[in-house]
Amino acid sequence: MNTTPAYFIHGFTASSKANWFPWLKNELQNNGIQLIVPDMPNTNDPHLLPWLQKIEDVAKELNDNTIFIGHSLGCIAMLQFILKKNIKIKGVILVSGFMDENPMVVQKEGLSQFVEEPLDVEQVKALIPHRVVITAIDDDIVPSVATKKMAERLGAQLIERSNGKHFIDRDGFTQFPEVLDLIKSIYSK
């Protein structure tokens, strides 16, 4: 049994109860892994500092066995947090993420805060040895090209699916066994 919790950071307009997130939490619990999935503040008009503070409030146990999973906006938020903490963790799984610029149709001042400061890519690589990025070519919210760019910049393993869109419930994603398998794989390394 893994005693270090894993952390999941959801994205813009989501919650801990949306999409495949409750399923993943339950599946990991059945495998002896605690998954902490906080409800991020003001998800309809997010701002970076309150999100970083929320992650700080819940991510109490961080060490070289910690895994973070992020979806969409949650990916850049958790990477910003890990850099701020400057602590080496085991790995990250970044689903439909982006960095450097907001590629979504929705442009809000708060959203731009997440990408204003460029990520220290070399520091991300030094702190996070296992990095996996998942995208779908038909993603209609975060274009696949933005997620692929993130994978390339981070030197991450890229999993590119031909379909799946943004991996949310309206796209049929109430379960995501591939993410579960990736988490187990990273923990086994």
N, C-alpha and C. Protein backbone atom coordinates (compact mmCIF):
# COMPACT_ATOMS: atom_id res chain seq x y z
N MET A 1 0.85 -1.20 0.00
CA MET A 1 0.00 0.00 0.00
C MET A 1 0.88 1.24 0.00
N ASN A 2 0.49 2.19 -0.85
CA ASN A 2 1.21 3.45 -0.91
C ASN A 2 0.67 4.38 0.17
N THR A 3 1.54 4.91 1.00
CA THR A 3 1.07 5.76 2.10
C THR A 3 1.07 7.24 1.73
N THR A 4 1.71 7.60 0.62
CA THR A 4 1.70 8.99 0.18
C THR A 4 0.49 9.21 -0.71
N PRO A 5 -0.36 10.20 -0.38
CA PRO A 5 -1.52 10.43 -1.24
C PRO A 5 -1.10 10.95 -2.62
N ALA A 6 -1.94 10.69 -3.59
CA ALA A 6 -1.83 11.33 -4.90
C ALA A 6 -2.80 12.51 -4.89
N TYR A 7 -2.53 13.47 -5.76
CA TYR A 7 -3.35 14.69 -5.80
C TYR A 7 -3.86 14.90 -7.22
N PHE A 8 -5.13 15.30 -7.32
CA PHE A 8 -5.75 15.56 -8.61
C PHE A 8 -6.25 17.00 -8.63
N ILE A 9 -5.85 17.74 -9.66
CA ILE A 9 -6.30 19.13 -9.80
C ILE A 9 -7.15 19.22 -11.06
N HIS A 10 -8.44 19.51 -10.86
CA HIS A 10 -9.38 19.61 -11.99
C HIS A 10 -9.21 20.96 -12.69
N GLY A 11 -9.97 21.14 -13.75
CA GLY A 11 -9.82 22.34 -14.56
C GLY A 11 -10.96 23.34 -14.45
N PHE A 12 -10.95 24.25 -15.37
CA PHE A 12 -11.90 25.35 -15.53
C PHE A 12 -13.32 24.81 -15.59
N THR A 13 -14.21 25.34 -14.79
CA THR A 13 -15.65 25.01 -14.67
C THR A 13 -15.93 23.61 -14.12
N ALA A 14 -14.93 22.88 -13.71
CA ALA A 14 -15.14 21.51 -13.21
C ALA A 14 -15.24 21.49 -11.68
N SER A 15 -15.30 20.29 -11.13
CA SER A 15 -15.31 20.10 -9.68
C SER A 15 -14.79 18.70 -9.39
N SER A 16 -14.66 18.40 -8.12
CA SER A 16 -14.18 17.08 -7.71
C SER A 16 -15.18 15.97 -8.07
N LYS A 17 -16.42 16.35 -8.32
CA LYS A 17 -17.47 15.37 -8.59
C LYS A 17 -17.77 15.22 -10.07
N ALA A 18 -17.02 15.90 -10.91
CA ALA A 18 -17.29 15.91 -12.35
C ALA A 18 -16.51 14.80 -13.07
N ASN A 19 -17.00 14.49 -14.25
CA ASN A 19 -16.28 13.66 -15.21
C ASN A 19 -15.87 12.31 -14.64
N TRP A 20 -14.63 11.90 -14.83
CA TRP A 20 -14.12 10.61 -14.38
C TRP A 20 -13.38 10.72 -13.05
N PHE A 21 -13.41 11.88 -12.44
CA PHE A 21 -12.63 12.11 -11.23
C PHE A 21 -13.10 11.27 -10.03
N PRO A 22 -14.42 11.19 -9.74
CA PRO A 22 -14.85 10.32 -8.63
C PRO A 22 -14.54 8.85 -8.89
N TRP A 23 -14.69 8.42 -10.14
CA TRP A 23 -14.35 7.04 -10.49
C TRP A 23 -12.88 6.75 -10.20
N LEU A 24 -11.98 7.66 -10.61
CA LEU A 24 -10.56 7.46 -10.39
C LEU A 24 -10.24 7.41 -8.89
N LYS A 25 -10.86 8.29 -8.13
CA LYS A 25 -10.64 8.31 -6.68
C LYS A 25 -11.03 6.97 -6.06
N ASN A 26 -12.19 6.45 -6.47
CA ASN A 26 -12.67 5.17 -5.95
C ASN A 26 -11.75 4.02 -6.36
N GLU A 27 -11.36 4.00 -7.63
CA GLU A 27 -10.48 2.93 -8.12
C GLU A 27 -9.13 2.93 -7.41
N LEU A 28 -8.57 4.11 -7.21
CA LEU A 28 -7.28 4.18 -6.51
C LEU A 28 -7.43 3.75 -5.06
N GLN A 29 -8.53 4.15 -4.44
CA GLN A 29 -8.79 3.73 -3.05
C GLN A 29 -8.85 2.21 -2.97
N ASN A 30 -9.47 1.57 -3.96
CA ASN A 30 -9.54 0.11 -4.01
C ASN A 30 -8.17 -0.53 -4.19
N ASN A 31 -7.21 0.26 -4.66
CA ASN A 31 -5.83 -0.20 -4.83
C ASN A 31 -4.91 0.30 -3.72
N GLY A 32 -5.50 0.82 -2.65
CA GLY A 32 -4.71 1.25 -1.49
C GLY A 32 -4.03 2.60 -1.65
N ILE A 33 -4.52 3.41 -2.59
CA ILE A 33 -3.92 4.73 -2.83
C ILE A 33 -4.97 5.80 -2.56
N GLN A 34 -4.64 6.72 -1.68
CA GLN A 34 -5.54 7.83 -1.40
C GLN A 34 -5.36 8.90 -2.47
N LEU A 35 -6.47 9.33 -3.06
CA LEU A 35 -6.44 10.42 -4.04
C LEU A 35 -7.19 11.60 -3.45
N ILE A 36 -6.51 12.71 -3.34
CA ILE A 36 -7.12 13.93 -2.83
C ILE A 36 -7.49 14.80 -4.02
N VAL A 37 -8.79 15.11 -4.12
CA VAL A 37 -9.31 15.90 -5.24
C VAL A 37 -10.05 17.11 -4.68
N PRO A 38 -9.35 18.22 -4.49
CA PRO A 38 -10.02 19.40 -3.94
C PRO A 38 -10.92 20.07 -4.97
N ASP A 39 -11.95 20.74 -4.48
CA ASP A 39 -12.74 21.62 -5.34
C ASP A 39 -12.00 22.94 -5.41
N MET A 40 -11.53 23.28 -6.60
CA MET A 40 -10.77 24.49 -6.77
C MET A 40 -11.70 25.70 -6.69
N PRO A 41 -11.18 26.84 -6.19
CA PRO A 41 -12.04 28.00 -5.96
C PRO A 41 -12.48 28.70 -7.25
N ASN A 42 -13.72 29.14 -7.24
CA ASN A 42 -14.26 29.99 -8.30
C ASN A 42 -13.93 29.46 -9.69
N THR A 43 -14.35 28.24 -9.97
CA THR A 43 -13.92 27.59 -11.22
C THR A 43 -14.49 28.24 -12.47
N ASN A 44 -15.53 29.05 -12.35
CA ASN A 44 -16.06 29.73 -13.53
C ASN A 44 -15.28 31.00 -13.87
N ASP A 45 -14.51 31.50 -12.92
CA ASP A 45 -13.65 32.66 -13.15
C ASP A 45 -12.39 32.49 -12.30
N PRO A 46 -11.56 31.49 -12.66
CA PRO A 46 -10.40 31.15 -11.82
C PRO A 46 -9.29 32.18 -11.89
N HIS A 47 -8.57 32.28 -10.78
CA HIS A 47 -7.38 33.13 -10.68
C HIS A 47 -6.26 32.28 -10.07
N LEU A 48 -5.05 32.53 -10.52
CA LEU A 48 -3.92 31.67 -10.15
C LEU A 48 -3.65 31.62 -8.65
N LEU A 49 -3.54 32.77 -7.99
CA LEU A 49 -3.13 32.75 -6.58
C LEU A 49 -4.09 31.97 -5.68
N PRO A 50 -5.41 32.15 -5.80
CA PRO A 50 -6.31 31.33 -4.98
C PRO A 50 -6.19 29.83 -5.29
N TRP A 51 -5.91 29.49 -6.54
CA TRP A 51 -5.73 28.08 -6.89
C TRP A 51 -4.46 27.54 -6.26
N LEU A 52 -3.37 28.30 -6.33
CA LEU A 52 -2.13 27.84 -5.70
C LEU A 52 -2.31 27.69 -4.19
N GLN A 53 -3.05 28.61 -3.58
CA GLN A 53 -3.30 28.53 -2.14
C GLN A 53 -4.13 27.30 -1.80
N LYS A 54 -5.11 26.97 -2.63
CA LYS A 54 -5.94 25.78 -2.38
C LYS A 54 -5.09 24.51 -2.46
N ILE A 55 -4.21 24.45 -3.46
CA ILE A 55 -3.34 23.27 -3.56
C ILE A 55 -2.43 23.21 -2.34
N GLU A 56 -1.90 24.34 -1.93
CA GLU A 56 -1.05 24.41 -0.73
C GLU A 56 -1.81 23.90 0.49
N ASP A 57 -3.07 24.27 0.60
CA ASP A 57 -3.89 23.88 1.76
C ASP A 57 -4.12 22.37 1.83
N VAL A 58 -4.20 21.70 0.67
CA VAL A 58 -4.54 20.28 0.69
C VAL A 58 -3.34 19.36 0.48
N ALA A 59 -2.31 19.84 -0.21
CA ALA A 59 -1.15 18.99 -0.54
C ALA A 59 -0.13 19.06 0.60
N LYS A 60 -0.45 18.36 1.67
CA LYS A 60 0.37 18.41 2.88
C LYS A 60 1.52 17.41 2.88
N GLU A 61 1.31 16.29 2.19
CA GLU A 61 2.35 15.25 2.16
C GLU A 61 2.96 15.19 0.78
N LEU A 62 4.11 15.82 0.64
CA LEU A 62 4.81 15.83 -0.64
C LEU A 62 6.19 15.23 -0.46
N ASN A 63 6.51 14.26 -1.32
CA ASN A 63 7.84 13.66 -1.28
C ASN A 63 8.13 13.00 -2.62
N ASP A 64 9.22 12.28 -2.70
CA ASP A 64 9.63 11.70 -3.98
C ASP A 64 8.78 10.50 -4.40
N ASN A 65 7.67 10.24 -3.68
CA ASN A 65 6.72 9.20 -4.07
C ASN A 65 5.36 9.80 -4.44
N THR A 66 5.27 11.13 -4.50
CA THR A 66 4.02 11.82 -4.78
C THR A 66 3.75 11.88 -6.28
N ILE A 67 2.48 11.65 -6.64
CA ILE A 67 2.04 11.81 -8.02
C ILE A 67 0.92 12.85 -8.05
N PHE A 68 0.99 13.74 -9.04
CA PHE A 68 -0.07 14.70 -9.31
C PHE A 68 -0.70 14.33 -10.65
N ILE A 69 -2.03 14.43 -10.71
CA ILE A 69 -2.76 14.27 -11.95
C ILE A 69 -3.51 15.56 -12.17
N GLY A 70 -3.45 16.07 -13.39
CA GLY A 70 -4.16 17.31 -13.69
C GLY A 70 -4.98 17.17 -14.94
N HIS A 71 -6.07 17.92 -14.99
CA HIS A 71 -6.91 17.96 -16.19
C HIS A 71 -7.07 19.41 -16.63
N SER A 72 -6.74 19.68 -17.88
CA SER A 72 -6.95 20.98 -18.50
C SER A 72 -6.22 22.08 -17.72
N LEU A 73 -6.93 23.08 -17.22
CA LEU A 73 -6.30 24.18 -16.48
C LEU A 73 -5.58 23.68 -15.23
N GLY A 74 -6.04 22.56 -14.68
CA GLY A 74 -5.39 22.00 -13.49
C GLY A 74 -3.94 21.60 -13.74
N CYS A 75 -3.59 21.32 -15.00
CA CYS A 75 -2.21 20.92 -15.32
C CYS A 75 -1.24 22.05 -15.06
N ILE A 76 -1.52 23.22 -15.60
CA ILE A 76 -0.61 24.35 -15.43
C ILE A 76 -0.61 24.81 -13.97
N ALA A 77 -1.76 24.74 -13.31
CA ALA A 77 -1.82 25.14 -11.90
C ALA A 77 -0.92 24.25 -11.04
N MET A 78 -0.98 22.94 -11.26
CA MET A 78 -0.17 22.05 -10.42
C MET A 78 1.30 22.18 -10.75
N LEU A 79 1.65 22.41 -12.02
CA LEU A 79 3.07 22.61 -12.35
C LEU A 79 3.59 23.89 -11.70
N GLN A 80 2.78 24.94 -11.71
CA GLN A 80 3.18 26.19 -11.03
C GLN A 80 3.40 25.92 -9.53
N PHE A 81 2.51 25.13 -8.94
CA PHE A 81 2.62 24.81 -7.51
C PHE A 81 3.90 24.02 -7.22
N ILE A 82 4.17 23.00 -8.02
CA ILE A 82 5.35 22.16 -7.80
C ILE A 82 6.62 23.00 -7.92
N LEU A 83 6.65 23.90 -8.89
CA LEU A 83 7.82 24.79 -9.03
C LEU A 83 7.95 25.70 -7.82
N LYS A 84 6.82 26.23 -7.35
CA LYS A 84 6.84 27.12 -6.19
C LYS A 84 7.37 26.38 -4.95
N LYS A 85 6.93 25.15 -4.77
CA LYS A 85 7.38 24.35 -3.62
C LYS A 85 8.82 23.88 -3.80
N ASN A 86 9.25 23.73 -5.05
CA ASN A 86 10.60 23.29 -5.37
C ASN A 86 10.95 21.97 -4.67
N ILE A 87 10.02 21.01 -4.78
CA ILE A 87 10.23 19.71 -4.15
C ILE A 87 10.13 18.62 -5.21
N LYS A 88 11.03 17.67 -5.14
CA LYS A 88 11.04 16.57 -6.11
C LYS A 88 9.90 15.61 -5.79
N ILE A 89 9.12 15.29 -6.83
CA ILE A 89 8.03 14.32 -6.68
C ILE A 89 8.27 13.19 -7.68
N LYS A 90 7.42 12.17 -7.63
CA LYS A 90 7.61 10.99 -8.49
C LYS A 90 7.17 11.24 -9.92
N GLY A 91 5.97 11.84 -10.10
CA GLY A 91 5.51 12.01 -11.45
C GLY A 91 4.24 12.81 -11.58
N VAL A 92 3.93 13.15 -12.84
CA VAL A 92 2.69 13.85 -13.17
C VAL A 92 2.05 13.21 -14.38
N ILE A 93 0.73 13.26 -14.40
CA ILE A 93 -0.05 12.88 -15.57
C ILE A 93 -0.87 14.11 -15.93
N LEU A 94 -0.66 14.62 -17.12
CA LEU A 94 -1.26 15.88 -17.57
C LEU A 94 -2.24 15.56 -18.70
N VAL A 95 -3.53 15.71 -18.43
CA VAL A 95 -4.57 15.36 -19.39
C VAL A 95 -5.14 16.64 -20.00
N SER A 96 -5.03 16.77 -21.33
CA SER A 96 -5.57 17.93 -22.05
C SER A 96 -5.05 19.25 -21.49
N GLY A 97 -3.79 19.27 -21.16
CA GLY A 97 -3.19 20.47 -20.57
C GLY A 97 -2.60 21.41 -21.59
N PHE A 98 -2.10 22.53 -21.08
CA PHE A 98 -1.45 23.52 -21.92
C PHE A 98 -0.53 24.37 -21.03
N MET A 99 0.37 25.11 -21.68
CA MET A 99 1.23 26.04 -20.98
C MET A 99 1.61 27.15 -21.96
N ASP A 100 2.24 28.18 -21.48
CA ASP A 100 2.72 29.32 -22.29
C ASP A 100 1.62 30.27 -22.74
N GLU A 101 0.47 29.76 -23.17
CA GLU A 101 -0.64 30.62 -23.57
C GLU A 101 -1.95 29.86 -23.41
N ASN A 102 -3.02 30.61 -23.22
CA ASN A 102 -4.34 30.02 -23.10
C ASN A 102 -4.88 29.74 -24.51
N PRO A 103 -5.00 28.47 -24.90
CA PRO A 103 -5.46 28.14 -26.25
C PRO A 103 -6.98 28.00 -26.36
N MET A 104 -7.69 28.22 -25.26
CA MET A 104 -9.14 28.02 -25.27
C MET A 104 -9.85 29.21 -25.90
N VAL A 105 -11.05 28.99 -26.36
CA VAL A 105 -11.87 30.08 -26.91
C VAL A 105 -12.16 31.10 -25.82
N VAL A 106 -12.43 30.62 -24.60
CA VAL A 106 -12.72 31.51 -23.49
C VAL A 106 -11.43 32.19 -23.04
N GLN A 107 -11.45 33.50 -23.05
CA GLN A 107 -10.30 34.29 -22.60
C GLN A 107 -10.78 35.20 -21.47
N LYS A 108 -10.27 34.97 -20.28
CA LYS A 108 -10.62 35.81 -19.14
C LYS A 108 -9.33 36.24 -18.48
N GLU A 109 -9.38 37.37 -17.81
CA GLU A 109 -8.18 37.89 -17.13
C GLU A 109 -7.60 36.86 -16.18
N GLY A 110 -8.47 36.21 -15.41
CA GLY A 110 -7.99 35.22 -14.45
C GLY A 110 -7.28 34.05 -15.12
N LEU A 111 -7.82 33.61 -16.24
CA LEU A 111 -7.18 32.50 -16.97
C LEU A 111 -5.80 32.87 -17.46
N SER A 112 -5.63 34.12 -17.87
CA SER A 112 -4.33 34.55 -18.38
C SER A 112 -3.26 34.52 -17.29
N GLN A 113 -3.66 34.66 -16.04
CA GLN A 113 -2.69 34.63 -14.93
C GLN A 113 -1.94 33.30 -14.86
N PHE A 114 -2.57 32.23 -15.28
CA PHE A 114 -1.96 30.90 -15.19
C PHE A 114 -0.78 30.75 -16.15
N VAL A 115 -0.74 31.57 -17.20
CA VAL A 115 0.32 31.44 -18.21
C VAL A 115 1.17 32.69 -18.37
N GLU A 116 0.97 33.69 -17.50
CA GLU A 116 1.74 34.94 -17.61
C GLU A 116 3.24 34.71 -17.44
N GLU A 117 3.60 33.96 -16.41
CA GLU A 117 5.00 33.67 -16.15
C GLU A 117 5.37 32.37 -16.84
N PRO A 118 6.40 32.37 -17.69
CA PRO A 118 6.79 31.11 -18.33
C PRO A 118 7.29 30.10 -17.30
N LEU A 119 6.95 28.85 -17.53
CA LEU A 119 7.42 27.78 -16.64
C LEU A 119 8.91 27.56 -16.83
N ASP A 120 9.60 27.29 -15.74
CA ASP A 120 11.00 26.89 -15.81
C ASP A 120 11.02 25.41 -16.18
N VAL A 121 11.08 25.16 -17.48
CA VAL A 121 10.94 23.80 -18.00
C VAL A 121 12.05 22.89 -17.48
N GLU A 122 13.27 23.39 -17.41
CA GLU A 122 14.38 22.56 -16.92
C GLU A 122 14.17 22.19 -15.45
N GLN A 123 13.62 23.10 -14.67
CA GLN A 123 13.35 22.80 -13.26
C GLN A 123 12.22 21.78 -13.14
N VAL A 124 11.20 21.89 -13.99
CA VAL A 124 10.12 20.89 -14.00
C VAL A 124 10.72 19.51 -14.25
N LYS A 125 11.58 19.42 -15.25
CA LYS A 125 12.20 18.13 -15.57
C LYS A 125 13.04 17.61 -14.41
N ALA A 126 13.74 18.49 -13.72
CA ALA A 126 14.58 18.08 -12.60
C ALA A 126 13.75 17.60 -11.41
N LEU A 127 12.60 18.23 -11.19
CA LEU A 127 11.76 17.90 -10.03
C LEU A 127 10.82 16.72 -10.27
N ILE A 128 10.50 16.45 -11.54
CA ILE A 128 9.48 15.45 -11.86
C ILE A 128 10.05 14.47 -12.88
N PRO A 129 10.58 13.34 -12.43
CA PRO A 129 11.20 12.40 -13.37
C PRO A 129 10.23 11.71 -14.32
N HIS A 130 9.00 11.45 -13.89
CA HIS A 130 8.03 10.74 -14.73
C HIS A 130 6.93 11.72 -15.14
N ARG A 131 6.90 12.02 -16.45
CA ARG A 131 5.95 13.00 -16.98
C ARG A 131 5.21 12.38 -18.17
N VAL A 132 3.88 12.33 -18.06
CA VAL A 132 3.05 11.77 -19.13
C VAL A 132 1.98 12.80 -19.50
N VAL A 133 1.79 12.99 -20.79
CA VAL A 133 0.78 13.92 -21.30
C VAL A 133 -0.17 13.14 -22.19
N ILE A 134 -1.48 13.38 -21.99
CA ILE A 134 -2.51 12.71 -22.80
C ILE A 134 -3.32 13.78 -23.53
N THR A 135 -3.56 13.55 -24.81
CA THR A 135 -4.40 14.44 -25.60
C THR A 135 -5.23 13.61 -26.56
N ALA A 136 -6.28 14.22 -27.07
CA ALA A 136 -7.09 13.62 -28.14
C ALA A 136 -7.04 14.58 -29.33
N ILE A 137 -6.85 14.03 -30.50
CA ILE A 137 -6.76 14.86 -31.70
C ILE A 137 -8.01 15.70 -31.89
N ASP A 138 -9.16 15.18 -31.43
CA ASP A 138 -10.43 15.89 -31.62
C ASP A 138 -10.84 16.75 -30.41
N ASP A 139 -9.88 17.09 -29.54
CA ASP A 139 -10.20 17.93 -28.37
C ASP A 139 -10.80 19.25 -28.86
N ASP A 140 -12.01 19.55 -28.40
CA ASP A 140 -12.71 20.76 -28.85
C ASP A 140 -12.64 21.90 -27.84
N ILE A 141 -11.85 21.73 -26.78
CA ILE A 141 -11.70 22.80 -25.78
C ILE A 141 -10.26 23.27 -25.72
N VAL A 142 -9.33 22.34 -25.51
CA VAL A 142 -7.90 22.66 -25.58
C VAL A 142 -7.35 21.94 -26.82
N PRO A 143 -7.06 22.69 -27.86
CA PRO A 143 -6.59 22.04 -29.09
C PRO A 143 -5.40 21.12 -28.83
N SER A 144 -5.44 19.97 -29.47
CA SER A 144 -4.40 18.96 -29.30
C SER A 144 -3.00 19.53 -29.55
N VAL A 145 -2.89 20.45 -30.49
CA VAL A 145 -1.58 21.03 -30.79
C VAL A 145 -0.98 21.71 -29.55
N ALA A 146 -1.82 22.33 -28.71
CA ALA A 146 -1.33 22.99 -27.49
C ALA A 146 -0.84 21.95 -26.48
N THR A 147 -1.56 20.84 -26.37
CA THR A 147 -1.16 19.79 -25.43
C THR A 147 0.10 19.09 -25.91
N LYS A 148 0.20 18.87 -27.21
CA LYS A 148 1.41 18.25 -27.77
C LYS A 148 2.62 19.16 -27.57
N LYS A 149 2.42 20.47 -27.70
CA LYS A 149 3.51 21.42 -27.46
C LYS A 149 3.98 21.33 -26.01
N MET A 150 3.03 21.19 -25.08
CA MET A 150 3.37 21.04 -23.67
C MET A 150 4.22 19.79 -23.47
N ALA A 151 3.81 18.68 -24.07
CA ALA A 151 4.55 17.42 -23.93
C ALA A 151 5.97 17.58 -24.47
N GLU A 152 6.09 18.21 -25.61
CA GLU A 152 7.41 18.40 -26.22
C GLU A 152 8.30 19.27 -25.35
N ARG A 153 7.77 20.38 -24.88
CA ARG A 153 8.56 21.29 -24.05
C ARG A 153 9.00 20.63 -22.74
N LEU A 154 8.12 19.78 -22.17
CA LEU A 154 8.43 19.14 -20.89
C LEU A 154 9.21 17.84 -21.07
N GLY A 155 9.45 17.44 -22.30
CA GLY A 155 10.13 16.16 -22.53
C GLY A 155 9.32 15.00 -21.96
N ALA A 156 8.00 15.10 -22.09
CA ALA A 156 7.10 14.11 -21.50
C ALA A 156 6.72 13.04 -22.51
N GLN A 157 6.37 11.88 -21.99
CA GLN A 157 5.78 10.83 -22.82
C GLN A 157 4.44 11.35 -23.31
N LEU A 158 4.19 11.27 -24.60
CA LEU A 158 2.93 11.75 -25.18
C LEU A 158 2.06 10.57 -25.57
N ILE A 159 0.82 10.59 -25.08
CA ILE A 159 -0.18 9.64 -25.51
C ILE A 159 -1.22 10.44 -26.28
N GLU A 160 -1.29 10.17 -27.57
CA GLU A 160 -2.20 10.90 -28.45
C GLU A 160 -3.28 9.95 -28.93
N ARG A 161 -4.51 10.23 -28.52
CA ARG A 161 -5.63 9.39 -28.91
C ARG A 161 -6.33 9.99 -30.12
N SER A 162 -6.90 9.15 -30.96
CA SER A 162 -7.59 9.65 -32.15
C SER A 162 -8.93 10.28 -31.78
N ASN A 163 -9.48 9.91 -30.63
CA ASN A 163 -10.73 10.53 -30.18
C ASN A 163 -10.78 10.53 -28.66
N GLY A 164 -11.77 11.24 -28.14
CA GLY A 164 -11.90 11.40 -26.70
C GLY A 164 -12.23 12.84 -26.35
N LYS A 165 -12.05 13.71 -27.35
CA LYS A 165 -12.28 15.15 -27.18
C LYS A 165 -11.55 15.66 -25.93
N HIS A 166 -12.28 16.29 -24.98
CA HIS A 166 -11.63 16.89 -23.81
C HIS A 166 -11.66 15.96 -22.59
N PHE A 167 -12.04 14.72 -22.83
CA PHE A 167 -12.08 13.72 -21.76
C PHE A 167 -12.98 14.17 -20.61
N ILE A 168 -14.19 14.58 -20.94
CA ILE A 168 -15.16 14.99 -19.92
C ILE A 168 -16.43 14.17 -20.09
N ASP A 169 -17.34 14.28 -19.11
CA ASP A 169 -18.51 13.42 -19.12
C ASP A 169 -19.37 13.59 -20.37
N ARG A 170 -19.49 14.80 -20.89
CA ARG A 170 -20.32 14.97 -22.09
C ARG A 170 -19.71 14.26 -23.31
N ASP A 171 -18.42 13.93 -23.20
CA ASP A 171 -17.74 13.17 -24.26
C ASP A 171 -17.73 11.68 -23.95
N GLY A 172 -18.46 11.29 -22.88
CA GLY A 172 -18.55 9.88 -22.52
C GLY A 172 -17.50 9.43 -21.52
N PHE A 173 -16.78 10.37 -20.91
CA PHE A 173 -15.71 10.00 -19.99
C PHE A 173 -16.16 10.13 -18.54
N THR A 174 -16.74 9.04 -18.03
CA THR A 174 -17.04 8.94 -16.60
C THR A 174 -16.08 7.95 -15.96
N GLN A 175 -15.27 7.30 -16.78
CA GLN A 175 -14.19 6.41 -16.35
C GLN A 175 -13.01 6.68 -17.27
N PHE A 176 -11.79 6.42 -16.78
CA PHE A 176 -10.61 6.63 -17.62
C PHE A 176 -9.54 5.62 -17.19
N PRO A 177 -9.75 4.33 -17.55
CA PRO A 177 -8.83 3.27 -17.12
C PRO A 177 -7.37 3.52 -17.52
N GLU A 178 -7.15 4.21 -18.62
CA GLU A 178 -5.78 4.48 -19.06
C GLU A 178 -5.02 5.31 -18.03
N VAL A 179 -5.68 6.28 -17.42
CA VAL A 179 -5.04 7.09 -16.39
C VAL A 179 -4.74 6.24 -15.16
N LEU A 180 -5.68 5.40 -14.77
CA LEU A 180 -5.47 4.50 -13.64
C LEU A 180 -4.24 3.62 -13.89
N ASP A 181 -4.13 3.05 -15.08
CA ASP A 181 -2.98 2.20 -15.41
C ASP A 181 -1.68 2.99 -15.38
N LEU A 182 -1.72 4.22 -15.85
CA LEU A 182 -0.51 5.06 -15.83
C LEU A 182 -0.06 5.36 -14.41
N ILE A 183 -1.00 5.63 -13.54
CA ILE A 183 -0.66 5.89 -12.13
C ILE A 183 0.00 4.67 -11.51
N LYS A 184 -0.60 3.51 -11.73
CA LYS A 184 -0.02 2.28 -11.20
C LYS A 184 1.38 2.06 -11.77
N SER A 185 1.55 2.33 -13.05
CA SER A 185 2.85 2.16 -13.69
C SER A 185 3.91 3.09 -13.10
N ILE A 186 3.54 4.34 -12.88
CA ILE A 186 4.50 5.29 -12.30
C ILE A 186 4.85 4.89 -10.88
N TYR A 187 3.87 4.46 -10.09
CA TYR A 187 4.18 4.04 -8.72
C TYR A 187 5.09 2.82 -8.70
N SER A 188 5.04 2.00 -9.74
CA SER A 188 5.86 0.77 -9.74
C SER A 188 7.32 1.04 -10.14
N LYS A 189 7.61 2.25 -10.57
CA LYS A 189 8.98 2.58 -11.04
C LYS A 189 9.85 3.00 -9.89
